[in-house]
Each structure stands twice: as C-alpha cells, then as structure tokens.
Amino acid sequence: MNVRNSTGKIPDHHALETPVKCKTLSLLAVLALQILSTPLAVDAQESTKIVRIGVLDGGDPSTSERLDQVFREGLRKLGYIEGHNITIEQRWAGRRLDRLPDLTAELVRLQVSVIVAAEEPVILAAKQTTSTIPIVMSSVGDPVGAGFVASLARPGGNITGVTNFAVGLIEKWLALIKEVIPAVAKVAVLRNATSRTHDVFWKEAQRAAQGLALKVHSLEVRSPAEFEGAFAGIARAGAGAVLLLPDPMLYGQHERLVELAAKDRLPTIYAFREPVEAGGFISYGPSQLDNRRRAAAYVDKILKGAKPANLSIEPPTKFELVINLKTASALGLSIPKSVRARADHVFQ
C-alpha cells in the first residue's frame, strides 16, 4: 500500500535514501582517511623522536666552551637541533679523573645513543663502562697502542672517531724547534708517565732526534704536583728547549706550565694553540676545533645506522702554527721570516 504525504503525493523512497547514503559514505570516508593517515602520523612521531647524545669531558665548562660550540654547530649543520630531535647530556670531570667511571655510568643509565669522548682517560672510562653504546673519539694520540681499537681501518668494537696524531708529527715539532732556535742542542720532552701513547711518542722522538742532530731528554710526571720538580730537572739536564706532549693532565694545567717555562726562560713548543694564547712560545698541531667538528659527522653516521666497528678512524686533516711574538721577545728570540710566513695566527 502506498502512503501519501501531506501534499497527497506518494513519497519518492530513492530521494529519502539519498541523505542517509551520503552520511554513510562521509563516515566511511573519514574512517578510511584516519586508517590511511595512522602510519603517516606514526612516521612523523618517529622522525621527531628525540635522541640522547652523551658528551664526556675530563675538564670543565670554561676550558671546553669553544669545543662544545663547534660540536653543536656541526650537529646543527647536519640537521640535529637541541630540543627538537636531540638532547645533549654533557658531563665534566673537572680534571678529577676518578669521577669518570661514575659520570660514564650515568650516561649509560640515561640510555644515550652515542658517547663523545675527547681524551685518553675519558675514552678508557667509557670503554670500561660500556661495550654496546657507540663511542666517538675526538682527541686521542694512538688508539691502537692504547688498546681502544683493533686497527685504524677496522676498529672492530664500539669505538671510532678521529685522532690528534699524524705520522711524522714528532719530527715536525723537533724540526720547528731547531728552525727557530738553531743553536739548541738538547730538547727536554715533558710527558705523562702513565700514558701508553706517550711511550710511542718518546720512541718516535728518539728516532727523529738522530736525524736532526739533537739530543732528547725524557721528563716524566704523574701529577701536577710534580711539575715544578720536572722543570728543575730540565735545568739540570741542560736542555735549551721543551717539547710538551699532548695530554689531558698536562694541557689541563697549561697556564701553570706556561708560567714555569717563563720563569725559567725556557722556549717551549706545544701541540695546541691554547697555551700560546695564555703566553706560551709556539705551537704546532692538529686543530682541536676541527677534530670536534668532525666528531659530529661520526655521530651523524652512527645515528643513521652505521656501526663503529666498520667506521675507519681518521687522522687529523687541519693543522695550525701559532706564535706568540711577545713571548719570543721576552726570551730574546727572533722568529725567522720563513716561520712567520707559515703561521696561521700570530699573537703580538
């Protein structure tokens, strides 16, 4: 039986069904879009996942400020923004090496994805604490000799990065001393008695000295408390210049060593520019800033899935010669034009 409406006409059932169908189709479309968009939303969340990066330093914030800045700049250039997709967990030992194991353990508990370690004692502490979290070195002399990696080409474990030693660097240090002080006959080599890397350096120094008609005298220290006694030993040995080997203990106290060298009027060559900025004589060596910047590139590779065991360890690529002319004048020394022409920076 047909039911008529108020106008007396039989309703069109197809017309009545149309709004219902439209609503049903709209609902299905919304549900389909939600289902399809769910993976995209998950991908977006994963792409903005915040990764923790640990930075372990044997010094303090004041001594590593510039290094920290270039490291962060390096990460930013690679697309890592603090608070957006990374968090940097930085810990300083304040030159108290006994604190390093606890600081490293703290980073491990925070589940950092990678640890950046700058110096031999720091790297050792990290290595002894974790064998699974990747460790990126930014300043170490001989990682193979120190037992950190199997080889430079294939590290083989959870450690990789850059070194601050290049073949022939010891010879260049001694040759530079000979060039600026032609009359020098003996050079004292101040080194850390507990550093295995310094054992390698010392053997290289003995070999290089023979070809330069120089004598070298080893002076070993185990703590800053022995610095004054070491400089007294330099005077007794009759050395005309000092080579300060790269080491966190020595360079962490470089202001004091600069003062002792000035007091005894001993021309001293350093591996890094910071002591020369503080009044030291001359330095030649790898750029610490460049090494820390390159460490950011290793972090990037690891976060993208590369294994430290397969990432070859690279030598330094940027070196700088820095001279302090004021200190040279106080020592009664004149820097040859050939040396000044090669200098990357000269303090007047």
Protein backbone atom coordinates (compact mmCIF):
# COMPACT_ATOMS: atom_id res chain seq x y z
CA MET A 1 0.00 0.00 0.00
CA ASN A 2 1.29 3.43 -0.93
CA VAL A 3 1.26 6.04 1.79
CA ARG A 4 0.65 9.56 0.66
CA ASN A 5 2.25 12.56 2.28
CA SER A 6 0.57 15.79 3.34
CA THR A 7 0.53 17.02 -0.27
CA GLY A 8 -1.26 13.93 -1.36
CA LYS A 9 1.74 12.63 -3.33
CA ILE A 10 3.44 9.32 -2.87
CA PRO A 11 6.96 9.91 -1.38
CA ASP A 12 10.00 9.12 -3.53
CA HIS A 13 11.83 6.46 -1.47
CA HIS A 14 15.03 6.91 -3.53
CA ALA A 15 15.04 10.59 -2.59
CA LEU A 16 14.65 9.68 1.08
CA GLU A 17 17.56 7.23 0.91
CA THR A 18 20.00 9.74 -0.64
CA PRO A 19 20.81 11.78 2.54
CA VAL A 20 21.29 8.57 4.51
CA LYS A 21 23.64 7.19 1.88
CA CYS A 22 25.59 10.46 1.81
CA LYS A 23 26.04 10.43 5.57
CA THR A 24 27.15 6.80 5.47
CA LEU A 25 29.62 7.44 2.68
CA SER A 26 31.01 10.51 4.51
CA LEU A 27 31.51 8.46 7.67
CA LEU A 28 33.25 5.70 5.75
CA ALA A 29 35.48 8.27 4.04
CA VAL A 30 36.50 9.77 7.38
CA LEU A 31 37.28 6.34 8.80
CA ALA A 32 39.30 5.45 5.71
CA LEU A 33 41.32 8.65 5.97
CA GLN A 34 42.01 8.01 9.65
CA ILE A 35 43.18 4.48 8.88
CA LEU A 36 45.35 5.63 5.99
CA SER A 37 46.82 8.53 7.93
CA THR A 38 47.74 6.49 11.02
CA PRO A 39 51.06 5.20 9.57
CA LEU A 40 51.92 8.75 8.47
CA ALA A 41 51.29 10.05 11.98
CA VAL A 42 53.48 7.29 13.43
CA ASP A 43 56.24 8.11 10.92
CA ALA A 44 56.03 11.79 11.84
CA GLN A 45 56.35 10.94 15.53
CA GLU A 46 59.30 8.67 14.85
CA SER A 47 61.04 11.28 12.69
CA THR A 48 60.89 13.79 15.53
CA LYS A 49 61.95 11.30 18.19
CA ILE A 50 64.46 12.96 20.50
CA VAL A 51 67.80 11.15 20.61
CA ARG A 52 70.14 11.48 23.59
CA ILE A 53 73.80 12.21 22.84
CA GLY A 54 76.29 11.90 25.67
CA VAL A 55 79.40 14.09 25.83
CA LEU A 56 82.03 13.18 28.41
CA ASP A 57 84.79 15.68 29.15
CA GLY A 58 87.70 15.43 31.55
CA GLY A 59 87.86 19.21 32.04
CA ASP A 60 85.25 21.79 32.95
CA PRO A 61 82.83 24.02 31.01
CA SER A 62 85.21 27.00 30.94
CA THR A 63 88.02 25.07 29.25
CA SER A 64 85.85 23.28 26.72
CA GLU A 65 83.41 26.04 25.78
CA ARG A 66 84.70 26.61 22.24
CA LEU A 67 84.93 22.87 21.56
CA ASP A 68 81.35 22.41 22.70
CA GLN A 69 80.19 25.25 20.47
CA VAL A 70 81.72 23.85 17.28
CA PHE A 71 80.40 20.38 18.08
CA ARG A 72 76.87 21.73 18.41
CA GLU A 73 77.32 23.80 15.25
CA GLY A 74 78.46 20.68 13.43
CA LEU A 75 75.35 18.82 14.57
CA ARG A 76 73.07 21.70 13.57
CA LYS A 77 74.50 21.74 10.06
CA LEU A 78 73.65 18.04 9.83
CA GLY A 79 70.05 18.66 10.87
CA TYR A 80 70.23 17.94 14.61
CA ILE A 81 68.55 20.62 16.71
CA GLU A 82 68.63 20.55 20.51
CA GLY A 83 65.15 20.27 21.95
CA HIS A 84 63.72 19.20 18.59
CA ASN A 85 65.35 15.90 17.67
CA ILE A 86 68.34 15.63 20.05
CA THR A 87 69.24 16.21 23.66
CA ILE A 88 72.89 16.60 24.63
CA GLU A 89 73.77 15.15 28.02
CA GLN A 90 77.13 16.67 28.91
CA ARG A 91 79.22 15.69 31.90
CA TRP A 92 82.51 17.24 33.08
CA ALA A 93 85.01 15.60 35.44
CA GLY A 94 86.70 18.87 36.42
CA ARG A 95 90.11 17.19 35.96
CA ARG A 96 89.16 14.67 38.63
CA LEU A 97 89.73 11.51 36.65
CA ASP A 98 88.37 9.38 39.50
CA ARG A 99 84.91 10.78 38.68
CA LEU A 100 84.93 9.49 35.10
CA PRO A 101 83.56 5.96 35.79
CA ASP A 102 80.54 7.35 37.68
CA LEU A 103 79.88 10.00 35.03
CA THR A 104 80.04 7.40 32.27
CA ALA A 105 77.71 5.10 34.19
CA GLU A 106 75.28 7.98 34.50
CA LEU A 107 75.24 8.44 30.72
CA VAL A 108 74.65 4.72 30.28
CA ARG A 109 71.68 4.85 32.67
CA LEU A 110 70.26 7.71 30.61
CA GLN A 111 70.38 5.36 27.61
CA VAL A 112 72.29 7.75 25.37
CA SER A 113 72.59 6.59 21.76
CA VAL A 114 76.26 7.57 21.49
CA ILE A 115 79.03 8.92 23.75
CA VAL A 116 81.54 11.52 22.52
CA ALA A 117 84.81 11.30 24.48
CA ALA A 118 87.76 13.58 23.88
CA GLU A 119 90.79 12.29 25.74
CA GLU A 120 92.56 9.04 26.56
CA PRO A 121 91.43 8.71 30.22
CA VAL A 122 87.88 9.67 29.21
CA ILE A 123 87.80 7.15 26.36
CA LEU A 124 89.20 4.47 28.67
CA ALA A 125 86.49 5.13 31.26
CA ALA A 126 83.80 4.93 28.59
CA LYS A 127 85.28 1.73 27.15
CA GLN A 128 85.38 0.08 30.56
CA THR A 129 81.78 1.05 31.28
CA THR A 130 80.04 0.00 28.06
CA SER A 131 80.77 -2.34 25.18
CA THR A 132 77.49 -1.68 23.38
CA ILE A 133 76.93 2.08 23.24
CA PRO A 134 78.97 3.62 20.37
CA ILE A 135 81.86 5.84 21.49
CA VAL A 136 83.22 8.60 19.24
CA MET A 137 86.77 9.81 19.95
CA SER A 138 87.67 13.39 19.09
CA SER A 139 91.18 13.64 20.51
CA VAL A 140 93.49 10.69 21.10
CA GLY A 141 97.06 10.04 20.08
CA ASP A 142 97.34 6.33 19.39
CA PRO A 143 94.04 4.45 19.82
CA VAL A 144 95.58 1.18 18.68
CA GLY A 145 98.53 1.41 21.07
CA ALA A 146 96.17 2.45 23.87
CA GLY A 147 94.15 -0.71 23.28
CA PHE A 148 90.93 1.07 22.30
CA VAL A 149 90.60 -0.43 18.82
CA ALA A 150 91.97 -3.33 16.78
CA SER A 151 93.10 -1.15 13.87
CA LEU A 152 92.52 2.28 12.37
CA ALA A 153 90.93 0.86 9.23
CA ARG A 154 88.56 -1.51 11.04
CA PRO A 155 88.20 -0.60 14.74
CA GLY A 156 86.26 -3.80 15.41
CA GLY A 157 84.38 -2.75 18.54
CA ASN A 158 82.14 0.09 19.70
CA ILE A 159 84.79 2.85 19.35
CA THR A 160 85.67 5.03 16.36
CA GLY A 161 86.43 8.70 15.60
CA VAL A 162 89.41 10.91 14.85
CA THR A 163 92.93 11.03 16.25
CA ASN A 164 95.11 14.03 17.03
CA PHE A 165 98.32 12.36 15.90
CA ALA A 166 99.73 12.08 12.41
CA VAL A 167 102.81 10.20 11.28
CA GLY A 168 105.84 12.46 11.47
CA LEU A 169 104.35 14.99 13.89
CA ILE A 170 107.07 14.42 16.49
CA GLU A 171 109.73 15.07 13.88
CA LYS A 172 107.98 18.28 12.82
CA TRP A 173 107.91 19.51 16.42
CA LEU A 174 111.63 18.92 16.86
CA ALA A 175 112.43 20.37 13.43
CA LEU A 176 110.45 23.53 14.28
CA ILE A 177 112.42 23.95 17.49
CA LYS A 178 115.65 23.61 15.51
CA GLU A 179 114.42 26.14 12.94
CA VAL A 180 113.54 28.86 15.46
CA ILE A 181 116.48 28.11 17.80
CA PRO A 182 119.33 26.92 15.54
CA ALA A 183 121.80 26.72 18.42
CA VAL A 184 119.71 24.31 20.51
CA ALA A 185 121.46 21.00 21.20
CA LYS A 186 119.13 19.27 23.67
CA VAL A 187 115.36 19.24 23.98
CA ALA A 188 113.51 18.09 27.09
CA VAL A 189 110.37 16.08 26.35
CA LEU A 190 107.79 16.51 29.11
CA ARG A 191 105.38 13.57 29.17
CA ASN A 192 102.84 11.74 31.27
CA ALA A 193 104.42 8.67 32.85
CA THR A 194 101.08 6.83 32.85
CA SER A 195 100.27 7.39 29.16
CA ARG A 196 100.87 4.48 26.79
CA THR A 197 100.57 6.93 23.90
CA HIS A 198 103.48 8.91 25.29
CA ASP A 199 105.61 5.77 25.24
CA VAL A 200 105.02 5.67 21.48
CA PHE A 201 105.77 9.40 21.19
CA TRP A 202 109.02 9.02 23.12
CA LYS A 203 110.33 6.26 20.87
CA GLU A 204 109.50 8.40 17.85
CA ALA A 205 111.24 11.40 19.45
CA GLN A 206 114.43 9.41 19.95
CA ARG A 207 114.39 8.28 16.32
CA ALA A 208 113.60 11.74 14.94
CA ALA A 209 116.25 13.49 17.08
CA GLN A 210 119.05 11.50 15.47
CA GLY A 211 118.27 12.88 12.03
CA LEU A 212 118.20 16.46 13.37
CA ALA A 213 121.47 16.24 15.31
CA LEU A 214 119.56 16.75 18.55
CA LYS A 215 119.61 15.08 21.92
CA VAL A 216 116.34 14.48 23.73
CA HIS A 217 115.82 14.13 27.45
CA SER A 218 112.70 12.47 28.88
CA LEU A 219 110.99 14.01 31.89
CA GLU A 220 108.04 12.05 33.24
CA VAL A 221 105.34 13.36 35.57
CA ARG A 222 102.40 11.54 37.13
CA SER A 223 100.50 14.51 38.52
CA PRO A 224 100.54 18.34 38.51
CA ALA A 225 102.28 18.20 41.88
CA GLU A 226 105.44 17.08 40.03
CA PHE A 227 105.53 19.97 37.54
CA GLU A 228 107.98 22.17 39.45
CA GLY A 229 110.34 19.27 40.05
CA ALA A 230 110.21 18.45 36.35
CA PHE A 231 111.25 21.96 35.35
CA ALA A 232 114.08 21.82 37.88
CA GLY A 233 115.16 18.62 36.11
CA ILE A 234 115.13 20.41 32.76
CA ALA A 235 117.59 22.96 34.08
CA ARG A 236 119.84 20.22 35.48
CA ALA A 237 119.76 18.38 32.15
CA GLY A 238 120.93 21.47 30.33
CA ALA A 239 118.08 21.41 27.82
CA GLY A 240 117.66 24.51 25.68
CA ALA A 241 114.02 23.98 24.85
CA VAL A 242 110.99 21.94 25.92
CA LEU A 243 108.51 19.85 23.96
CA LEU A 244 105.22 19.39 25.82
CA LEU A 245 103.49 16.25 24.54
CA PRO A 246 99.69 16.34 24.12
CA ASP A 247 97.96 15.02 27.23
CA PRO A 248 94.82 15.98 29.20
CA MET A 249 96.69 16.21 32.50
CA LEU A 250 99.40 18.45 31.06
CA TYR A 251 97.17 20.65 28.94
CA GLY A 252 94.52 20.86 31.61
CA GLN A 253 97.17 22.75 33.61
CA HIS A 254 98.74 24.57 30.68
CA GLU A 255 98.57 28.03 32.35
CA ARG A 256 100.77 26.78 35.17
CA LEU A 257 103.22 25.14 32.76
CA VAL A 258 103.41 28.36 30.74
CA GLU A 259 104.30 30.24 33.93
CA LEU A 260 107.02 27.74 34.86
CA ALA A 261 108.50 27.93 31.35
CA ALA A 262 108.53 31.74 31.50
CA LYS A 263 110.09 31.71 34.97
CA ASP A 264 112.99 29.54 33.78
CA ARG A 265 113.14 31.30 30.37
CA LEU A 266 112.64 28.02 28.54
CA PRO A 267 111.30 28.16 24.96
CA THR A 268 108.50 25.59 24.86
CA ILE A 269 106.65 24.13 21.91
CA TYR A 270 103.11 22.94 22.43
CA ALA A 271 100.79 20.67 20.45
CA PHE A 272 97.79 23.01 20.68
CA ARG A 273 97.21 26.75 20.46
CA GLU A 274 95.61 27.34 23.90
CA PRO A 275 98.92 27.54 25.82
CA VAL A 276 100.24 30.07 23.28
CA GLU A 277 97.14 32.19 23.80
CA ALA A 278 97.98 32.07 27.51
CA GLY A 279 101.54 33.31 26.93
CA GLY A 280 103.34 30.21 25.67
CA PHE A 281 106.02 30.45 22.97
CA ILE A 282 104.87 28.48 19.93
CA SER A 283 102.57 25.63 18.96
CA TYR A 284 102.05 23.35 16.01
CA GLY A 285 99.49 20.60 15.79
CA PRO A 286 96.04 19.46 14.81
CA SER A 287 93.13 21.83 15.25
CA GLN A 288 91.11 20.64 18.22
CA LEU A 289 88.14 22.63 16.96
CA ASP A 290 88.24 20.88 13.60
CA ASN A 291 88.51 17.47 15.25
CA ARG A 292 85.47 18.15 17.43
CA ARG A 293 83.54 19.35 14.38
CA ARG A 294 84.42 16.12 12.57
CA ALA A 295 83.21 14.13 15.59
CA ALA A 296 79.73 15.46 14.83
CA ALA A 297 79.90 13.77 11.41
CA TYR A 298 80.67 10.42 13.09
CA VAL A 299 77.70 10.88 15.40
CA ASP A 300 75.52 11.53 12.36
CA LYS A 301 76.66 8.33 10.65
CA ILE A 302 76.07 6.25 13.77
CA LEU A 303 72.60 7.67 14.36
CA LYS A 304 71.79 6.76 10.76
CA GLY A 305 72.73 3.14 11.38
CA ALA A 306 76.48 2.84 10.77
CA LYS A 307 78.42 0.53 13.11
CA PRO A 308 81.53 1.93 14.86
CA ALA A 309 83.31 -1.35 14.15
CA ASN A 310 83.18 -0.56 10.43
CA LEU A 311 83.87 3.19 10.54
CA SER A 312 87.58 3.76 9.95
CA ILE A 313 89.42 6.08 12.32
CA GLU A 314 90.71 9.18 10.57
CA PRO A 315 93.88 11.18 11.27
CA PRO A 316 93.75 14.96 11.73
CA THR A 317 93.42 16.91 8.50
CA LYS A 318 93.81 20.52 9.66
CA PHE A 319 96.99 21.72 11.37
CA GLU A 320 97.85 25.18 12.67
CA LEU A 321 101.03 27.02 13.58
CA VAL A 322 100.61 29.66 16.27
CA ILE A 323 103.32 32.05 17.51
CA ASN A 324 103.47 34.47 20.43
CA LEU A 325 105.87 37.25 19.43
CA LYS A 326 105.68 38.92 22.84
CA THR A 327 106.92 35.74 24.49
CA ALA A 328 109.59 35.29 21.81
CA SER A 329 110.86 38.81 22.56
CA ALA A 330 110.90 38.11 26.31
CA LEU A 331 113.01 35.01 25.58
CA GLY A 332 115.37 37.03 23.40
CA LEU A 333 114.43 35.07 20.30
CA SER A 334 113.74 36.30 16.80
CA ILE A 335 111.28 34.29 14.72
CA PRO A 336 112.59 33.66 11.17
CA LYS A 337 110.53 35.17 8.37
CA SER A 338 110.07 31.72 6.87
CA VAL A 339 108.34 30.55 10.05
CA ARG A 340 106.20 33.69 10.41
CA ALA A 341 105.05 33.32 6.82
CA ARG A 342 103.68 29.86 7.61
CA ALA A 343 101.90 30.91 10.80
CA ASP A 344 98.12 30.61 10.97
CA HIS A 345 97.96 33.05 13.86
CA VAL A 346 100.46 35.41 15.47
CA PHE A 347 99.96 36.99 18.89
CA GLN A 348 101.76 40.34 19.02
